[in-house]
Amino acid sequence: QGQLVESGGGLVQPGETLRLSCAASGRNFSSSTLVWYRQAPGKQRELIAVIDSSGTTSYASSVEGRFTISRAKVKNTVLVYLDLASLKPEDTGVYYCHLNYRGRDYWGQGTQVTVSS
């Protein structure tokens, strides 16, 4: 059974950086496109960064130039990272990683990022 586990969230001040990690295991997710979503308080979940199996990336305009998505593979686990820089209070929210494998959606449990002075 596949699973995604996020880590790395926390409380930071505006302008600081943070690295989020997501470990995808239990299936051969090597060919999967990996996506980070964010859900801000009182808002719908939004797509913020995508990386496909070849390493091609795309970003929401709200994070372009500040966030960087990357991926790696260690043994049977696919790792996807999200480096957050120049953080703003509006980046606050729960960050989720997601992939679709053979028609099934997999989600992590989410990791909270709070940007506040």
C-alpha atoms as a PDB file:
ATOM      1  CA  GLN A   1       0.000   0.000   0.000  1.00  0.00           C
ATOM      2  CA  GLY A   2       1.380   3.363  -0.967  1.00  0.00           C
ATOM      3  CA  GLN A   3       1.736   6.268   1.387  1.00  0.00           C
ATOM      4  CA  LEU A   4       2.970   9.838   1.407  1.00  0.00           C
ATOM      5  CA  VAL A   5       4.429  11.419   4.506  1.00  0.00           C
ATOM      6  CA  GLU A   6       5.247  15.129   4.712  1.00  0.00           C
ATOM      7  CA  SER A   7       7.587  16.818   7.156  1.00  0.00           C
ATOM      8  CA  GLY A   8       9.406  20.071   7.695  1.00  0.00           C
ATOM      9  CA  GLY A   9       6.685  22.561   8.511  1.00  0.00           C
ATOM     10  CA  GLY A  10       6.904  25.060  11.331  1.00  0.00           C
ATOM     11  CA  LEU A  11       6.630  28.647  12.490  1.00  0.00           C
ATOM     12  CA  VAL A  12       8.904  31.105  10.728  1.00  0.00           C
ATOM     13  CA  GLN A  13       9.198  34.864  10.368  1.00  0.00           C
ATOM     14  CA  PRO A  14       8.551  36.745   7.133  1.00  0.00           C
ATOM     15  CA  GLY A  15      11.517  36.575   4.795  1.00  0.00           C
ATOM     16  CA  GLU A  16      12.834  33.322   6.197  1.00  0.00           C
ATOM     17  CA  THR A  17      13.239  29.986   4.445  1.00  0.00           C
ATOM     18  CA  LEU A  18      11.930  26.483   5.056  1.00  0.00           C
ATOM     19  CA  ARG A  19      12.282  23.095   3.402  1.00  0.00           C
ATOM     20  CA  LEU A  20       9.368  20.709   3.208  1.00  0.00           C
ATOM     21  CA  SER A  21       9.857  17.036   2.429  1.00  0.00           C
ATOM     22  CA  CYS A  22       7.511  14.328   1.248  1.00  0.00           C
ATOM     23  CA  ALA A  23       8.415  10.652   1.202  1.00  0.00           C
ATOM     24  CA  ALA A  24       6.372   8.503  -1.178  1.00  0.00           C
ATOM     25  CA  SER A  25       6.734   4.775  -0.626  1.00  0.00           C
ATOM     26  CA  GLY A  26       4.967   1.461  -0.971  1.00  0.00           C
ATOM     27  CA  ARG A  27       4.533   1.559  -4.748  1.00  0.00           C
ATOM     28  CA  ASN A  28       6.781   2.222  -7.699  1.00  0.00           C
ATOM     29  CA  PHE A  29       6.160   5.961  -7.840  1.00  0.00           C
ATOM     30  CA  SER A  30       9.260   6.686  -9.926  1.00  0.00           C
ATOM     31  CA  SER A  31       7.241   7.685 -12.987  1.00  0.00           C
ATOM     32  CA  SER A  32       4.646   9.701 -11.106  1.00  0.00           C
ATOM     33  CA  THR A  33       4.197  13.437 -11.318  1.00  0.00           C
ATOM     34  CA  LEU A  34       4.454  14.903  -7.831  1.00  0.00           C
ATOM     35  CA  VAL A  35       2.509  17.938  -6.725  1.00  0.00           C
ATOM     36  CA  TRP A  36       2.538  20.244  -3.717  1.00  0.00           C
ATOM     37  CA  TYR A  37      -0.720  21.873  -2.691  1.00  0.00           C
ATOM     38  CA  ARG A  38      -1.418  24.475  -0.056  1.00  0.00           C
ATOM     39  CA  GLN A  39      -4.585  25.134   1.901  1.00  0.00           C
ATOM     40  CA  ALA A  40      -4.731  28.475   3.633  1.00  0.00           C
ATOM     41  CA  PRO A  41      -7.148  29.046   6.510  1.00  0.00           C
ATOM     42  CA  GLY A  42     -10.689  29.429   5.162  1.00  0.00           C
ATOM     43  CA  LYS A  43      -9.624  28.846   1.567  1.00  0.00           C
ATOM     44  CA  GLN A  44      -9.683  26.029  -0.927  1.00  0.00           C
ATOM     45  CA  ARG A  45      -6.684  23.866  -1.515  1.00  0.00           C
ATOM     46  CA  GLU A  46      -4.536  25.284  -4.318  1.00  0.00           C
ATOM     47  CA  LEU A  47      -1.850  23.770  -6.498  1.00  0.00           C
ATOM     48  CA  ILE A  48       1.471  25.513  -6.008  1.00  0.00           C
ATOM     49  CA  ALA A  49       4.219  23.364  -7.542  1.00  0.00           C
ATOM     50  CA  VAL A  50       4.545  20.378  -9.875  1.00  0.00           C
ATOM     51  CA  ILE A  51       7.437  18.172 -10.910  1.00  0.00           C
ATOM     52  CA  ASP A  52       7.167  15.353 -13.401  1.00  0.00           C
ATOM     53  CA  SER A  53       9.315  12.252 -13.708  1.00  0.00           C
ATOM     54  CA  SER A  54      11.776  14.006 -16.026  1.00  0.00           C
ATOM     55  CA  GLY A  55      12.249  16.861 -13.574  1.00  0.00           C
ATOM     56  CA  THR A  56      10.208  19.433 -15.446  1.00  0.00           C
ATOM     57  CA  THR A  57       8.668  21.886 -13.002  1.00  0.00           C
ATOM     58  CA  SER A  58       5.894  24.445 -12.914  1.00  0.00           C
ATOM     59  CA  TYR A  59       4.642  26.823 -10.248  1.00  0.00           C
ATOM     60  CA  ALA A  60       1.670  28.913  -9.297  1.00  0.00           C
ATOM     61  CA  SER A  61       2.274  32.573 -10.002  1.00  0.00           C
ATOM     62  CA  SER A  62       1.985  33.359  -6.291  1.00  0.00           C
ATOM     63  CA  VAL A  63       5.132  31.352  -5.505  1.00  0.00           C
ATOM     64  CA  GLU A  64       7.112  31.545  -8.769  1.00  0.00           C
ATOM     65  CA  GLY A  65      10.655  32.659  -8.078  1.00  0.00           C
ATOM     66  CA  ARG A  66      10.394  31.998  -4.334  1.00  0.00           C
ATOM     67  CA  PHE A  67       9.630  28.279  -4.083  1.00  0.00           C
ATOM     68  CA  THR A  68      11.581  25.426  -5.655  1.00  0.00           C
ATOM     69  CA  ILE A  69      10.355  21.879  -6.104  1.00  0.00           C
ATOM     70  CA  SER A  70      12.769  18.988  -6.584  1.00  0.00           C
ATOM     71  CA  ARG A  71      12.779  15.221  -6.339  1.00  0.00           C
ATOM     72  CA  ALA A  72      15.098  12.336  -5.606  1.00  0.00           C
ATOM     73  CA  LYS A  73      14.918   8.606  -5.162  1.00  0.00           C
ATOM     74  CA  VAL A  74      16.416   6.632  -2.338  1.00  0.00           C
ATOM     75  CA  LYS A  75      15.976   2.884  -2.721  1.00  0.00           C
ATOM     76  CA  ASN A  76      12.210   2.354  -3.098  1.00  0.00           C
ATOM     77  CA  THR A  77      11.190   5.765  -1.808  1.00  0.00           C
ATOM     78  CA  VAL A  78      10.600   8.827  -3.952  1.00  0.00           C
ATOM     79  CA  LEU A  79      11.364  12.065  -2.150  1.00  0.00           C
ATOM     80  CA  VAL A  80       9.927  15.393  -3.189  1.00  0.00           C
ATOM     81  CA  TYR A  81      11.123  18.620  -1.647  1.00  0.00           C
ATOM     82  CA  LEU A  82       9.694  22.090  -1.587  1.00  0.00           C
ATOM     83  CA  ASP A  83      12.147  24.854  -0.709  1.00  0.00           C
ATOM     84  CA  LEU A  84      10.302  27.943   0.464  1.00  0.00           C
ATOM     85  CA  ALA A  85      12.135  31.251   0.427  1.00  0.00           C
ATOM     86  CA  SER A  86      11.211  34.872   1.065  1.00  0.00           C
ATOM     87  CA  LEU A  87       8.225  33.630   3.002  1.00  0.00           C
ATOM     88  CA  LYS A  88       5.230  35.902   3.436  1.00  0.00           C
ATOM     89  CA  PRO A  89       2.351  35.748   5.906  1.00  0.00           C
ATOM     90  CA  GLU A  90       0.079  34.758   3.012  1.00  0.00           C
ATOM     91  CA  ASP A  91       2.135  31.580   2.574  1.00  0.00           C
ATOM     92  CA  THR A  92       0.649  30.317   5.815  1.00  0.00           C
ATOM     93  CA  GLY A  93      -1.305  27.117   5.439  1.00  0.00           C
ATOM     94  CA  VAL A  94      -1.205  23.358   5.438  1.00  0.00           C
ATOM     95  CA  TYR A  95       1.011  21.963   2.701  1.00  0.00           C
ATOM     96  CA  TYR A  96       0.168  18.624   1.127  1.00  0.00           C
ATOM     97  CA  CYS A  97       1.964  16.455  -1.381  1.00  0.00           C
ATOM     98  CA  HIS A  98       0.002  14.467  -3.899  1.00  0.00           C
ATOM     99  CA  LEU A  99       0.412  12.022  -6.721  1.00  0.00           C
ATOM    100  CA  ASN A 100      -1.814   9.930  -8.917  1.00  0.00           C
ATOM    101  CA  TYR A 101      -0.738   6.351  -9.512  1.00  0.00           C
ATOM    102  CA  ARG A 102      -2.715   4.087 -11.816  1.00  0.00           C
ATOM    103  CA  GLY A 103      -5.836   6.192 -11.391  1.00  0.00           C
ATOM    104  CA  ARG A 104      -5.681   6.423  -7.618  1.00  0.00           C
ATOM    105  CA  ASP A 105      -4.967   9.638  -5.745  1.00  0.00           C
ATOM    106  CA  TYR A 106      -2.504   9.564  -2.898  1.00  0.00           C
ATOM    107  CA  TRP A 107      -2.279  12.397  -0.364  1.00  0.00           C
ATOM    108  CA  GLY A 108      -0.068  13.012   2.578  1.00  0.00           C
ATOM    109  CA  GLN A 109      -1.395  14.096   5.943  1.00  0.00           C
ATOM    110  CA  GLY A 110      -0.158  17.652   5.484  1.00  0.00           C
ATOM    111  CA  THR A 111       2.386  19.793   7.279  1.00  0.00           C
ATOM    112  CA  GLN A 112       1.597  23.200   8.783  1.00  0.00           C
ATOM    113  CA  VAL A 113       3.566  26.261   7.757  1.00  0.00           C
ATOM    114  CA  THR A 114       2.952  29.460   9.684  1.00  0.00           C
ATOM    115  CA  VAL A 115       4.632  32.705   8.667  1.00  0.00           C
ATOM    116  CA  SER A 116       4.277  35.345  11.335  1.00  0.00           C
ATOM    117  CA  SER A 117       6.318  37.984  13.081  1.00  0.00           C
END
